[in-house]
Amino acid sequence: MRLTEFHELVAGQFGEMRGASLLVDHVLTSLGGRTGAQAIEAGVDPREVWRALCADFDVPRDQW
């Protein structure tokens, strides 16, 4: 997944403001206790970050 697509999905699902906040504030335990932004910066595939966010916020699996 491209980073552009990832950001579009986050904004579409959570809204621009909340999505941006989630990426820097919400700790994803499934990704080593990092935020989404930290995980991406560390080289984690954006698709994995997207799935972790979806799991934490109970997004229906058909939207992952």
C-alpha atoms as a PDB file:
ATOM      1  CA  MET A   1       0.000   0.000   0.000  1.00  0.00           C
ATOM      2  CA  ARG A   2       1.276   3.430  -0.883  1.00  0.00           C
ATOM      3  CA  LEU A   3       1.540   6.025   1.828  1.00  0.00           C
ATOM      4  CA  THR A   4      -0.836   8.307  -0.083  1.00  0.00           C
ATOM      5  CA  GLU A   5      -3.506   5.601  -0.140  1.00  0.00           C
ATOM      6  CA  PHE A   6      -2.942   4.951   3.558  1.00  0.00           C
ATOM      7  CA  HIS A   7      -3.530   8.604   4.454  1.00  0.00           C
ATOM      8  CA  GLU A   8      -6.652   8.693   2.268  1.00  0.00           C
ATOM      9  CA  LEU A   9      -8.046   5.624   4.047  1.00  0.00           C
ATOM     10  CA  VAL A  10      -7.300   7.061   7.496  1.00  0.00           C
ATOM     11  CA  ALA A  11      -8.932  10.396   6.625  1.00  0.00           C
ATOM     12  CA  GLY A  12     -11.901   8.669   5.015  1.00  0.00           C
ATOM     13  CA  GLN A  13     -12.518   6.389   7.982  1.00  0.00           C
ATOM     14  CA  PHE A  14     -11.730   8.683  10.898  1.00  0.00           C
ATOM     15  CA  GLY A  15     -11.894  12.196   9.439  1.00  0.00           C
ATOM     16  CA  GLU A  16      -8.964  14.477   8.637  1.00  0.00           C
ATOM     17  CA  MET A  17      -8.431  15.900  12.123  1.00  0.00           C
ATOM     18  CA  ARG A  18      -9.083  12.752  14.150  1.00  0.00           C
ATOM     19  CA  GLY A  19      -7.124  10.593  11.716  1.00  0.00           C
ATOM     20  CA  ALA A  20      -4.087  12.858  11.923  1.00  0.00           C
ATOM     21  CA  SER A  21      -4.335  12.814  15.715  1.00  0.00           C
ATOM     22  CA  LEU A  22      -4.647   9.025  15.861  1.00  0.00           C
ATOM     23  CA  LEU A  23      -1.459   8.595  13.869  1.00  0.00           C
ATOM     24  CA  VAL A  24       0.620  10.546  16.381  1.00  0.00           C
ATOM     25  CA  ASP A  25      -1.247   9.918  19.647  1.00  0.00           C
ATOM     26  CA  HIS A  26      -2.693   6.390  19.611  1.00  0.00           C
ATOM     27  CA  VAL A  27      -0.253   3.668  20.660  1.00  0.00           C
ATOM     28  CA  LEU A  28      -0.619   0.445  18.685  1.00  0.00           C
ATOM     29  CA  THR A  29       0.359  -2.388  21.004  1.00  0.00           C
ATOM     30  CA  SER A  30       0.303  -4.841  18.108  1.00  0.00           C
ATOM     31  CA  LEU A  31       3.106  -2.832  16.476  1.00  0.00           C
ATOM     32  CA  GLY A  32       5.475  -2.789  19.407  1.00  0.00           C
ATOM     33  CA  GLY A  33       3.909   0.033  21.391  1.00  0.00           C
ATOM     34  CA  ARG A  34       4.498   2.613  18.676  1.00  0.00           C
ATOM     35  CA  THR A  35       2.143   5.143  17.213  1.00  0.00           C
ATOM     36  CA  GLY A  36       1.140   4.751  13.590  1.00  0.00           C
ATOM     37  CA  ALA A  37       3.483   7.556  12.583  1.00  0.00           C
ATOM     38  CA  GLN A  38       6.393   5.992  14.493  1.00  0.00           C
ATOM     39  CA  ALA A  39       5.712   2.582  12.963  1.00  0.00           C
ATOM     40  CA  ILE A  40       5.685   3.965   9.421  1.00  0.00           C
ATOM     41  CA  GLU A  41       8.854   5.939  10.112  1.00  0.00           C
ATOM     42  CA  ALA A  42      10.461   2.712  11.370  1.00  0.00           C
ATOM     43  CA  GLY A  43       9.656   0.995   8.071  1.00  0.00           C
ATOM     44  CA  VAL A  44       6.456  -0.874   8.907  1.00  0.00           C
ATOM     45  CA  ASP A  45       4.255  -1.347   5.842  1.00  0.00           C
ATOM     46  CA  PRO A  46       1.382   1.183   5.920  1.00  0.00           C
ATOM     47  CA  ARG A  47      -1.026  -1.717   5.278  1.00  0.00           C
ATOM     48  CA  GLU A  48       0.001  -3.261   8.622  1.00  0.00           C
ATOM     49  CA  VAL A  49      -0.516   0.079  10.362  1.00  0.00           C
ATOM     50  CA  TRP A  50      -3.931   0.420   8.696  1.00  0.00           C
ATOM     51  CA  ARG A  51      -4.956  -3.052   9.870  1.00  0.00           C
ATOM     52  CA  ALA A  52      -3.757  -2.323  13.405  1.00  0.00           C
ATOM     53  CA  LEU A  53      -5.779   0.913  13.518  1.00  0.00           C
ATOM     54  CA  CYS A  54      -8.841  -0.863  12.153  1.00  0.00           C
ATOM     55  CA  ALA A  55      -8.536  -3.603  14.750  1.00  0.00           C
ATOM     56  CA  ASP A  56      -8.128  -1.145  17.633  1.00  0.00           C
ATOM     57  CA  PHE A  57     -11.136   0.917  16.562  1.00  0.00           C
ATOM     58  CA  ASP A  58     -13.453  -1.941  15.562  1.00  0.00           C
ATOM     59  CA  VAL A  59     -13.642  -0.994  11.889  1.00  0.00           C
ATOM     60  CA  PRO A  60     -15.605  -3.706  10.048  1.00  0.00           C
ATOM     61  CA  ARG A  61     -13.213  -6.222   8.462  1.00  0.00           C
ATOM     62  CA  ASP A  62     -14.637  -5.649   4.987  1.00  0.00           C
ATOM     63  CA  GLN A  63     -13.177  -2.128   5.133  1.00  0.00           C
ATOM     64  CA  TRP A  64      -9.637  -3.258   5.979  1.00  0.00           C
END
